[in-house]
């Protein structure tokens, strides 16, 4: 029986018996969703590059 660790509560569970397959149960799945909706999680924004690190040529003055 393969086991997986729940990323929310860290308990071991069988993903084949779990309806969500990523979390041990509905409670942990909803906690994770709430964290995304509260913006506690985020993806890096690569559009904030400074001009020094950009590959674009500087505009002439």
PDB file of N, CA and C in Angstrom:
ATOM      1  N   UNK A   1       0.844  -1.167   0.000  1.00  0.00           N
ATOM      2  CA  UNK A   1       0.000   0.000   0.000  1.00  0.00           C
ATOM      3  C   UNK A   1       0.898   1.243   0.000  1.00  0.00           C
ATOM      4  N   UNK A   2       0.817   2.079  -1.029  1.00  0.00           N
ATOM      5  CA  UNK A   2       1.617   3.304  -1.061  1.00  0.00           C
ATOM      6  C   UNK A   2       1.058   4.333  -0.072  1.00  0.00           C
ATOM      7  N   UNK A   3       1.935   5.054   0.558  1.00  0.00           N
ATOM      8  CA  UNK A   3       1.488   6.105   1.471  1.00  0.00           C
ATOM      9  C   UNK A   3       2.073   7.440   1.031  1.00  0.00           C
ATOM     10  N   UNK A   4       1.379   8.463   1.420  1.00  0.00           N
ATOM     11  CA  UNK A   4       1.787   9.831   1.096  1.00  0.00           C
ATOM     12  C   UNK A   4       1.608  10.669   2.346  1.00  0.00           C
ATOM     13  N   UNK A   5       2.385  11.727   2.475  1.00  0.00           N
ATOM     14  CA  UNK A   5       2.269  12.619   3.627  1.00  0.00           C
ATOM     15  C   UNK A   5       1.433  13.828   3.220  1.00  0.00           C
ATOM     16  N   UNK A   6       0.438  14.128   4.019  1.00  0.00           N
ATOM     17  CA  UNK A   6      -0.436  15.280   3.769  1.00  0.00           C
ATOM     18  C   UNK A   6       0.376  16.561   3.956  1.00  0.00           C
ATOM     19  N   UNK A   7       0.340  17.493   2.992  1.00  0.00           N
ATOM     20  CA  UNK A   7       1.127  18.725   3.112  1.00  0.00           C
ATOM     21  C   UNK A   7       0.585  19.690   4.170  1.00  0.00           C
ATOM     22  N   UNK A   8      -0.626  19.475   4.649  1.00  0.00           N
ATOM     23  CA  UNK A   8      -1.220  20.375   5.635  1.00  0.00           C
ATOM     24  C   UNK A   8      -0.975  19.876   7.058  1.00  0.00           C
ATOM     25  N   UNK A   9      -1.407  18.642   7.361  1.00  0.00           N
ATOM     26  CA  UNK A   9      -1.292  18.136   8.737  1.00  0.00           C
ATOM     27  C   UNK A   9      -0.118  17.176   8.921  1.00  0.00           C
ATOM     28  N   UNK A  10       0.567  16.823   7.838  1.00  0.00           N
ATOM     29  CA  UNK A  10       1.756  15.964   7.851  1.00  0.00           C
ATOM     30  C   UNK A  10       1.465  14.507   8.235  1.00  0.00           C
ATOM     31  N   UNK A  11       0.208  14.081   8.260  1.00  0.00           N
ATOM     32  CA  UNK A  11      -0.100  12.695   8.580  1.00  0.00           C
ATOM     33  C   UNK A  11       0.055  11.828   7.334  1.00  0.00           C
ATOM     34  N   UNK A  12       0.335  10.546   7.540  1.00  0.00           N
ATOM     35  CA  UNK A  12       0.447   9.603   6.434  1.00  0.00           C
ATOM     36  C   UNK A  12      -0.938   9.090   6.070  1.00  0.00           C
ATOM     37  N   UNK A  13      -1.180   8.916   4.778  1.00  0.00           N
ATOM     38  CA  UNK A  13      -2.473   8.402   4.319  1.00  0.00           C
ATOM     39  C   UNK A  13      -2.278   7.637   3.026  1.00  0.00           C
ATOM     40  N   UNK A  14      -3.279   6.841   2.683  1.00  0.00           N
ATOM     41  CA  UNK A  14      -3.279   6.074   1.446  1.00  0.00           C
ATOM     42  C   UNK A  14      -3.983   6.907   0.380  1.00  0.00           C
ATOM     43  N   UNK A  15      -3.269   7.373  -0.642  1.00  0.00           N
ATOM     44  CA  UNK A  15      -3.896   8.245  -1.650  1.00  0.00           C
ATOM     45  C   UNK A  15      -4.999   7.555  -2.450  1.00  0.00           C
ATOM     46  N   UNK A  16      -4.969   6.229  -2.521  1.00  0.00           N
ATOM     47  CA  UNK A  16      -6.020   5.519  -3.256  1.00  0.00           C
ATOM     48  C   UNK A  16      -7.350   5.535  -2.515  1.00  0.00           C
ATOM     49  N   UNK A  17      -7.326   5.724  -1.196  1.00  0.00           N
ATOM     50  CA  UNK A  17      -8.550   5.753  -0.397  1.00  0.00           C
ATOM     51  C   UNK A  17      -9.026   7.170  -0.113  1.00  0.00           C
ATOM     52  N   UNK A  18      -8.241   8.155  -0.482  1.00  0.00           N
ATOM     53  CA  UNK A  18      -8.597   9.545  -0.229  1.00  0.00           C
ATOM     54  C   UNK A  18      -9.299  10.121  -1.455  1.00  0.00           C
ATOM     55  N   UNK A  19     -10.424  10.799  -1.269  1.00  0.00           N
ATOM     56  CA  UNK A  19     -11.133  11.361  -2.422  1.00  0.00           C
ATOM     57  C   UNK A  19     -10.354  12.456  -3.154  1.00  0.00           C
ATOM     58  N   UNK A  20      -9.515  13.182  -2.440  1.00  0.00           N
ATOM     59  CA  UNK A  20      -8.790  14.272  -3.105  1.00  0.00           C
ATOM     60  C   UNK A  20      -7.442  13.828  -3.642  1.00  0.00           C
ATOM     61  N   UNK A  21      -6.891  12.724  -3.150  1.00  0.00           N
ATOM     62  CA  UNK A  21      -5.638  12.129  -3.587  1.00  0.00           C
ATOM     63  C   UNK A  21      -4.411  12.954  -3.206  1.00  0.00           C
ATOM     64  N   UNK A  22      -4.533  14.246  -2.960  1.00  0.00           N
ATOM     65  CA  UNK A  22      -3.389  15.071  -2.567  1.00  0.00           C
ATOM     66  C   UNK A  22      -3.354  15.335  -1.071  1.00  0.00           C
ATOM     67  N   UNK A  23      -4.510  15.266  -0.431  1.00  0.00           N
ATOM     68  CA  UNK A  23      -4.641  15.556   0.994  1.00  0.00           C
ATOM     69  C   UNK A  23      -5.280  14.362   1.687  1.00  0.00           C
ATOM     70  N   UNK A  24      -5.097  14.293   3.011  1.00  0.00           N
ATOM     71  CA  UNK A  24      -5.629  13.148   3.752  1.00  0.00           C
ATOM     72  C   UNK A  24      -7.144  13.171   3.838  1.00  0.00           C
ATOM     73  N   UNK A  25      -7.749  14.321   3.706  1.00  0.00           N
ATOM     74  CA  UNK A  25      -9.203  14.404   3.789  1.00  0.00           C
ATOM     75  C   UNK A  25      -9.732  15.755   3.348  1.00  0.00           C
ATOM     76  N   UNK A  26     -11.041  15.889   3.475  1.00  0.00           N
ATOM     77  CA  UNK A  26     -11.733  17.102   3.039  1.00  0.00           C
ATOM     78  C   UNK A  26     -11.281  18.329   3.846  1.00  0.00           C
ATOM     79  N   UNK A  27     -11.077  18.161   5.140  1.00  0.00           N
ATOM     80  CA  UNK A  27     -10.669  19.281   5.987  1.00  0.00           C
ATOM     81  C   UNK A  27      -9.351  19.889   5.510  1.00  0.00           C
ATOM     82  N   UNK A  28      -8.353  19.063   5.268  1.00  0.00           N
ATOM     83  CA  UNK A  28      -7.053  19.569   4.829  1.00  0.00           C
ATOM     84  C   UNK A  28      -7.145  20.168   3.427  1.00  0.00           C
ATOM     85  N   UNK A  29      -7.973  19.599   2.581  1.00  0.00           N
ATOM     86  CA  UNK A  29      -8.155  20.152   1.242  1.00  0.00           C
ATOM     87  C   UNK A  29      -8.749  21.558   1.328  1.00  0.00           C
ATOM     88  N   UNK A  30      -9.745  21.740   2.196  1.00  0.00           N
ATOM     89  CA  UNK A  30     -10.365  23.053   2.351  1.00  0.00           C
ATOM     90  C   UNK A  30      -9.424  24.056   3.029  1.00  0.00           C
ATOM     91  N   UNK A  31      -8.606  23.594   3.967  1.00  0.00           N
ATOM     92  CA  UNK A  31      -7.619  24.487   4.575  1.00  0.00           C
ATOM     93  C   UNK A  31      -6.635  24.998   3.529  1.00  0.00           C
ATOM     94  N   UNK A  32      -6.196  24.119   2.638  1.00  0.00           N
ATOM     95  CA  UNK A  32      -5.273  24.524   1.575  1.00  0.00           C
ATOM     96  C   UNK A  32      -5.945  25.524   0.636  1.00  0.00           C
ATOM     97  N   UNK A  33      -7.179  25.262   0.268  1.00  0.00           N
ATOM     98  CA  UNK A  33      -7.917  26.189  -0.600  1.00  0.00           C
ATOM     99  C   UNK A  33      -8.050  27.552   0.068  1.00  0.00           C
ATOM    100  N   UNK A  34      -8.367  27.560   1.357  1.00  0.00           N
ATOM    101  CA  UNK A  34      -8.494  28.819   2.086  1.00  0.00           C
ATOM    102  C   UNK A  34      -7.195  29.601   2.106  1.00  0.00           C
ATOM    103  N   UNK A  35      -6.077  28.911   2.219  1.00  0.00           N
ATOM    104  CA  UNK A  35      -4.777  29.599   2.203  1.00  0.00           C
ATOM    105  C   UNK A  35      -4.507  30.245   0.853  1.00  0.00           C
ATOM    106  N   UNK A  36      -4.904  29.583  -0.230  1.00  0.00           N
ATOM    107  CA  UNK A  36      -4.752  30.191  -1.559  1.00  0.00           C
ATOM    108  C   UNK A  36      -5.655  31.420  -1.676  1.00  0.00           C
ATOM    109  N   UNK A  37      -6.900  31.287  -1.215  1.00  0.00           N
ATOM    110  CA  UNK A  37      -7.847  32.400  -1.336  1.00  0.00           C
ATOM    111  C   UNK A  37      -7.461  33.578  -0.446  1.00  0.00           C
ATOM    112  N   UNK A  38      -6.836  33.320   0.698  1.00  0.00           N
ATOM    113  CA  UNK A  38      -6.355  34.385   1.583  1.00  0.00           C
ATOM    114  C   UNK A  38      -5.018  34.962   1.121  1.00  0.00           C
ATOM    115  N   UNK A  39      -4.509  34.442   0.013  1.00  0.00           N
ATOM    116  CA  UNK A  39      -3.241  34.868  -0.580  1.00  0.00           C
ATOM    117  C   UNK A  39      -2.049  34.633   0.351  1.00  0.00           C
ATOM    118  N   UNK A  40      -2.110  33.553   1.134  1.00  0.00           N
ATOM    119  CA  UNK A  40      -0.952  33.154   1.946  1.00  0.00           C
ATOM    120  C   UNK A  40       0.069  32.427   1.080  1.00  0.00           C
ATOM    121  N   UNK A  41      -0.416  31.845  -0.001  1.00  0.00           N
ATOM    122  CA  UNK A  41       0.459  31.215  -0.983  1.00  0.00           C
ATOM    123  C   UNK A  41       0.541  32.154  -2.176  1.00  0.00           C
ATOM    124  N   UNK A  42       1.594  32.029  -2.937  1.00  0.00           N
ATOM    125  CA  UNK A  42       1.701  32.843  -4.135  1.00  0.00           C
ATOM    126  C   UNK A  42       2.723  32.262  -5.084  1.00  0.00           C
ATOM    127  N   UNK A  43       2.670  32.722  -6.283  1.00  0.00           N
ATOM    128  CA  UNK A  43       3.628  32.332  -7.304  1.00  0.00           C
ATOM    129  C   UNK A  43       4.565  33.499  -7.540  1.00  0.00           C
ATOM    130  N   UNK A  44       5.825  33.231  -7.804  1.00  0.00           N
ATOM    131  CA  UNK A  44       6.759  34.338  -8.044  1.00  0.00           C
ATOM    132  C   UNK A  44       6.373  35.138  -9.281  1.00  0.00           C
ATOM    133  N   UNK A  45       6.507  36.440  -9.179  1.00  0.00           N
ATOM    134  CA  UNK A  45       6.188  37.338 -10.289  1.00  0.00           C
ATOM    135  C   UNK A  45       7.495  37.725 -10.959  1.00  0.00           C
ATOM    136  N   UNK A  46       7.721  37.240 -12.146  1.00  0.00           N
ATOM    137  CA  UNK A  46       8.965  37.505 -12.857  1.00  0.00           C
ATOM    138  C   UNK A  46       8.917  38.798 -13.658  1.00  0.00           C
ATOM    139  N   UNK A  47       7.802  39.508 -13.619  1.00  0.00           N
ATOM    140  CA  UNK A  47       7.695  40.748 -14.391  1.00  0.00           C
ATOM    141  C   UNK A  47       8.324  41.927 -13.663  1.00  0.00           C
ATOM    142  N   UNK A  48       8.783  41.734 -12.426  1.00  0.00           N
ATOM    143  CA  UNK A  48       9.389  42.817 -11.658  1.00  0.00           C
ATOM    144  C   UNK A  48      10.898  42.890 -11.852  1.00  0.00           C
ATOM    145  N   UNK A  49      11.379  42.555 -13.022  1.00  0.00           N
ATOM    146  CA  UNK A  49      12.818  42.585 -13.276  1.00  0.00           C
ATOM    147  C   UNK A  49      13.300  44.031 -13.299  1.00  0.00           C
ATOM    148  N   UNK A  50      14.442  44.250 -12.714  1.00  0.00           N
ATOM    149  CA  UNK A  50      15.027  45.585 -12.747  1.00  0.00           C
ATOM    150  C   UNK A  50      15.672  45.795 -14.120  1.00  0.00           C
ATOM    151  N   UNK A  51      15.865  47.038 -14.541  1.00  0.00           N
ATOM    152  CA  UNK A  51      16.457  47.288 -15.865  1.00  0.00           C
ATOM    153  C   UNK A  51      17.856  46.703 -16.009  1.00  0.00           C
ATOM    154  N   UNK A  52      18.597  46.566 -14.903  1.00  0.00           N
ATOM    155  CA  UNK A  52      19.954  46.022 -14.994  1.00  0.00           C
ATOM    156  C   UNK A  52      19.955  44.544 -15.381  1.00  0.00           C
ATOM    157  N   UNK A  53      18.919  43.818 -14.979  1.00  0.00           N
ATOM    158  CA  UNK A  53      18.893  42.385 -15.264  1.00  0.00           C
ATOM    159  C   UNK A  53      18.088  42.057 -16.516  1.00  0.00           C
ATOM    160  N   UNK A  54      17.463  43.044 -17.106  1.00  0.00           N
ATOM    161  CA  UNK A  54      16.657  42.817 -18.291  1.00  0.00           C
ATOM    162  C   UNK A  54      17.551  42.645 -19.513  1.00  0.00           C
ATOM    163  N   UNK A  55      17.111  41.821 -20.456  1.00  0.00           N
ATOM    164  CA  UNK A  55      17.861  41.609 -21.691  1.00  0.00           C
ATOM    165  C   UNK A  55      17.586  42.697 -22.730  1.00  0.00           C
ATOM    166  N   UNK A  56      16.594  43.527 -22.462  1.00  0.00           N
ATOM    167  CA  UNK A  56      16.246  44.574 -23.423  1.00  0.00           C
ATOM    168  C   UNK A  56      17.305  45.666 -23.437  1.00  0.00           C
ATOM    169  N   UNK A  57      17.490  46.249 -24.614  1.00  0.00           N
ATOM    170  CA  UNK A  57      18.465  47.335 -24.743  1.00  0.00           C
ATOM    171  C   UNK A  57      17.863  48.610 -24.161  1.00  0.00           C
ATOM    172  N   UNK A  58      18.690  49.449 -23.542  1.00  0.00           N
ATOM    173  CA  UNK A  58      18.160  50.701 -22.968  1.00  0.00           C
ATOM    174  C   UNK A  58      17.705  51.637 -24.080  1.00  0.00           C
ATOM    175  N   UNK A  59      16.687  52.429 -23.752  1.00  0.00           N
ATOM    176  CA  UNK A  59      16.173  53.394 -24.724  1.00  0.00           C
ATOM    177  C   UNK A  59      17.120  54.584 -24.814  1.00  0.00           C
ATOM    178  N   UNK A  60      17.366  55.104 -26.030  1.00  0.00           N
ATOM    179  CA  UNK A  60      18.241  56.281 -26.161  1.00  0.00           C
ATOM    180  C   UNK A  60      17.561  57.506 -25.566  1.00  0.00           C
ATOM    181  N   UNK A  61      18.376  58.404 -25.010  1.00  0.00           N
ATOM    182  CA  UNK A  61      17.823  59.629 -24.403  1.00  0.00           C
ATOM    183  C   UNK A  61      17.680  60.733 -25.403  1.00  0.00           C
TER     184      UNK A  61
END
